[in-house]
Amino acid sequence: MVDDIFIWNERLGIALPELNQEWESYSEQARSSIVTQWEIIRGTIPDRVFAYERLINVKQAELYEEEDFETSCCINSEIAELASRINDLHIWYRINQEIETRSHF
């Protein structure tokens, strides 16, 4: 059942929960399994953020050396996308606080 709830997100590089019903509708055992699985996934988020930060550093170095305006714009756009991913990962990382509050049955 838990496997059906977590769907791989290619953009962020982690599986994200997609609940098909209200949280309270899940059994106590299912909620516990969901929270446990989310904690495992959540634990990988700092590593994903770090990997995207390294890519940003590489892109910034490329941007510094790039002289062609159009190419610079493309690199800058790639940097913005990577920063957006980091922001989304931070949001998902903080979701744990809401789940923990709800998980106290």
C-alpha atoms as a PDB file:
ATOM      1  CA  MET A   1       0.000   0.000   0.000  1.00  0.00           C
ATOM      2  CA  VAL A   2       2.757   2.469   0.877  1.00  0.00           C
ATOM      3  CA  ASP A   3       4.398   1.852  -2.486  1.00  0.00           C
ATOM      4  CA  ASP A   4       1.254   3.166  -4.198  1.00  0.00           C
ATOM      5  CA  ILE A   5       1.424   6.420  -2.253  1.00  0.00           C
ATOM      6  CA  PHE A   6       4.972   7.443  -3.138  1.00  0.00           C
ATOM      7  CA  ILE A   7       5.475   8.428  -6.776  1.00  0.00           C
ATOM      8  CA  TRP A   8       8.916   9.105  -8.245  1.00  0.00           C
ATOM      9  CA  ASN A   9       9.474  12.762  -9.162  1.00  0.00           C
ATOM     10  CA  GLU A  10      12.164  12.951 -11.828  1.00  0.00           C
ATOM     11  CA  ARG A  11      12.653  16.706 -11.435  1.00  0.00           C
ATOM     12  CA  LEU A  12      13.448  16.514  -7.715  1.00  0.00           C
ATOM     13  CA  GLY A  13      15.043  13.086  -7.714  1.00  0.00           C
ATOM     14  CA  ILE A  14      12.896  11.712  -4.873  1.00  0.00           C
ATOM     15  CA  ALA A  15       9.576   9.926  -4.462  1.00  0.00           C
ATOM     16  CA  LEU A  16       6.771  12.203  -3.279  1.00  0.00           C
ATOM     17  CA  PRO A  17       3.583  11.271  -1.443  1.00  0.00           C
ATOM     18  CA  GLU A  18       0.324  11.430  -3.354  1.00  0.00           C
ATOM     19  CA  LEU A  19      -2.445  10.691  -0.896  1.00  0.00           C
ATOM     20  CA  ASN A  20      -5.635   9.379  -2.511  1.00  0.00           C
ATOM     21  CA  GLN A  21      -7.799  10.200   0.489  1.00  0.00           C
ATOM     22  CA  GLU A  22      -7.862  12.376   3.574  1.00  0.00           C
ATOM     23  CA  TRP A  23      -5.108  11.630   6.083  1.00  0.00           C
ATOM     24  CA  GLU A  24      -7.609  10.678   8.779  1.00  0.00           C
ATOM     25  CA  SER A  25      -9.173   8.107   6.429  1.00  0.00           C
ATOM     26  CA  TYR A  26      -6.033   5.962   6.467  1.00  0.00           C
ATOM     27  CA  SER A  27      -5.772   3.299   9.162  1.00  0.00           C
ATOM     28  CA  GLU A  28      -3.393   3.828  12.055  1.00  0.00           C
ATOM     29  CA  GLN A  29      -1.063   1.193  10.608  1.00  0.00           C
ATOM     30  CA  ALA A  30      -1.133   2.784   7.140  1.00  0.00           C
ATOM     31  CA  ARG A  31      -0.400   6.245   8.557  1.00  0.00           C
ATOM     32  CA  SER A  32       2.497   4.843  10.538  1.00  0.00           C
ATOM     33  CA  SER A  33       3.900   3.147   7.420  1.00  0.00           C
ATOM     34  CA  ILE A  34       3.489   6.325   5.375  1.00  0.00           C
ATOM     35  CA  VAL A  35       5.275   8.423   7.991  1.00  0.00           C
ATOM     36  CA  THR A  36       8.078   5.860   8.275  1.00  0.00           C
ATOM     37  CA  GLN A  37       8.571   5.738   4.510  1.00  0.00           C
ATOM     38  CA  TRP A  38       8.450   9.540   4.281  1.00  0.00           C
ATOM     39  CA  GLU A  39      11.128   9.837   6.977  1.00  0.00           C
ATOM     40  CA  ILE A  40      13.401   7.580   4.924  1.00  0.00           C
ATOM     41  CA  ILE A  41      12.816   9.637   1.781  1.00  0.00           C
ATOM     42  CA  ARG A  42      13.039  12.910   3.694  1.00  0.00           C
ATOM     43  CA  GLY A  43      16.460  11.875   4.972  1.00  0.00           C
ATOM     44  CA  THR A  44      17.772  11.936   1.398  1.00  0.00           C
ATOM     45  CA  ILE A  45      16.670  15.520   0.726  1.00  0.00           C
ATOM     46  CA  PRO A  46      19.794  17.240   2.151  1.00  0.00           C
ATOM     47  CA  ASP A  47      21.967  15.150  -0.191  1.00  0.00           C
ATOM     48  CA  ARG A  48      19.771  16.105  -3.164  1.00  0.00           C
ATOM     49  CA  VAL A  49      20.054  19.789  -2.203  1.00  0.00           C
ATOM     50  CA  PHE A  50      23.827  19.476  -1.930  1.00  0.00           C
ATOM     51  CA  ALA A  51      24.017  17.829  -5.377  1.00  0.00           C
ATOM     52  CA  TYR A  52      21.987  20.642  -6.940  1.00  0.00           C
ATOM     53  CA  GLU A  53      24.150  23.242  -5.189  1.00  0.00           C
ATOM     54  CA  ARG A  54      27.249  21.623  -6.711  1.00  0.00           C
ATOM     55  CA  LEU A  55      25.631  21.784 -10.155  1.00  0.00           C
ATOM     56  CA  ILE A  56      24.833  25.457  -9.603  1.00  0.00           C
ATOM     57  CA  ASN A  57      28.479  26.108  -8.748  1.00  0.00           C
ATOM     58  CA  VAL A  58      29.570  24.404 -11.983  1.00  0.00           C
ATOM     59  CA  LYS A  59      27.032  26.422 -13.992  1.00  0.00           C
ATOM     60  CA  GLN A  60      28.135  29.660 -12.320  1.00  0.00           C
ATOM     61  CA  ALA A  61      31.727  28.912 -13.296  1.00  0.00           C
ATOM     62  CA  GLU A  62      30.571  28.300 -16.877  1.00  0.00           C
ATOM     63  CA  LEU A  63      28.605  31.549 -16.805  1.00  0.00           C
ATOM     64  CA  TYR A  64      31.647  33.460 -15.590  1.00  0.00           C
ATOM     65  CA  GLU A  65      33.663  32.222 -18.577  1.00  0.00           C
ATOM     66  CA  GLU A  66      30.903  32.501 -21.186  1.00  0.00           C
ATOM     67  CA  GLU A  67      31.078  35.433 -23.599  1.00  0.00           C
ATOM     68  CA  ASP A  68      28.096  34.639 -25.830  1.00  0.00           C
ATOM     69  CA  PHE A  69      24.979  36.417 -24.564  1.00  0.00           C
ATOM     70  CA  GLU A  70      22.463  33.781 -25.694  1.00  0.00           C
ATOM     71  CA  THR A  71      24.499  30.972 -24.160  1.00  0.00           C
ATOM     72  CA  SER A  72      24.795  33.019 -20.954  1.00  0.00           C
ATOM     73  CA  CYS A  73      21.019  33.351 -20.861  1.00  0.00           C
ATOM     74  CA  CYS A  74      20.623  29.569 -21.246  1.00  0.00           C
ATOM     75  CA  ILE A  75      23.118  28.883 -18.461  1.00  0.00           C
ATOM     76  CA  ASN A  76      21.398  31.450 -16.240  1.00  0.00           C
ATOM     77  CA  SER A  77      18.066  29.752 -16.921  1.00  0.00           C
ATOM     78  CA  GLU A  78      19.563  26.374 -15.947  1.00  0.00           C
ATOM     79  CA  ILE A  79      20.827  27.906 -12.707  1.00  0.00           C
ATOM     80  CA  ALA A  80      17.353  29.293 -11.975  1.00  0.00           C
ATOM     81  CA  GLU A  81      15.796  25.850 -12.561  1.00  0.00           C
ATOM     82  CA  LEU A  82      18.282  24.203 -10.198  1.00  0.00           C
ATOM     83  CA  ALA A  83      17.579  26.864  -7.558  1.00  0.00           C
ATOM     84  CA  SER A  84      13.848  26.230  -7.998  1.00  0.00           C
ATOM     85  CA  ARG A  85      14.421  22.521  -7.360  1.00  0.00           C
ATOM     86  CA  ILE A  86      16.321  23.352  -4.170  1.00  0.00           C
ATOM     87  CA  ASN A  87      13.454  25.563  -3.039  1.00  0.00           C
ATOM     88  CA  ASP A  88      10.909  22.814  -3.727  1.00  0.00           C
ATOM     89  CA  LEU A  89      13.033  20.286  -1.841  1.00  0.00           C
ATOM     90  CA  HIS A  90      13.181  22.626   1.156  1.00  0.00           C
ATOM     91  CA  ILE A  91       9.391  22.886   1.094  1.00  0.00           C
ATOM     92  CA  TRP A  92       9.022  19.090   0.983  1.00  0.00           C
ATOM     93  CA  TYR A  93      11.575  18.745   3.780  1.00  0.00           C
ATOM     94  CA  ARG A  94       9.478  21.009   6.025  1.00  0.00           C
ATOM     95  CA  ILE A  95       6.283  19.059   5.276  1.00  0.00           C
ATOM     96  CA  ASN A  96       7.449  16.556   7.875  1.00  0.00           C
ATOM     97  CA  GLN A  97       6.363  18.948  10.611  1.00  0.00           C
ATOM     98  CA  GLU A  98       2.758  18.747   9.410  1.00  0.00           C
ATOM     99  CA  ILE A  99       2.852  14.968   9.043  1.00  0.00           C
ATOM    100  CA  GLU A 100       4.333  14.499  12.522  1.00  0.00           C
ATOM    101  CA  THR A 101       1.581  16.639  14.014  1.00  0.00           C
ATOM    102  CA  ARG A 102      -1.046  14.586  12.224  1.00  0.00           C
ATOM    103  CA  SER A 103       0.585  11.267  13.024  1.00  0.00           C
ATOM    104  CA  HIS A 104      -0.111  11.473  16.764  1.00  0.00           C
ATOM    105  CA  PHE A 105      -3.186   9.287  16.754  1.00  0.00           C
END
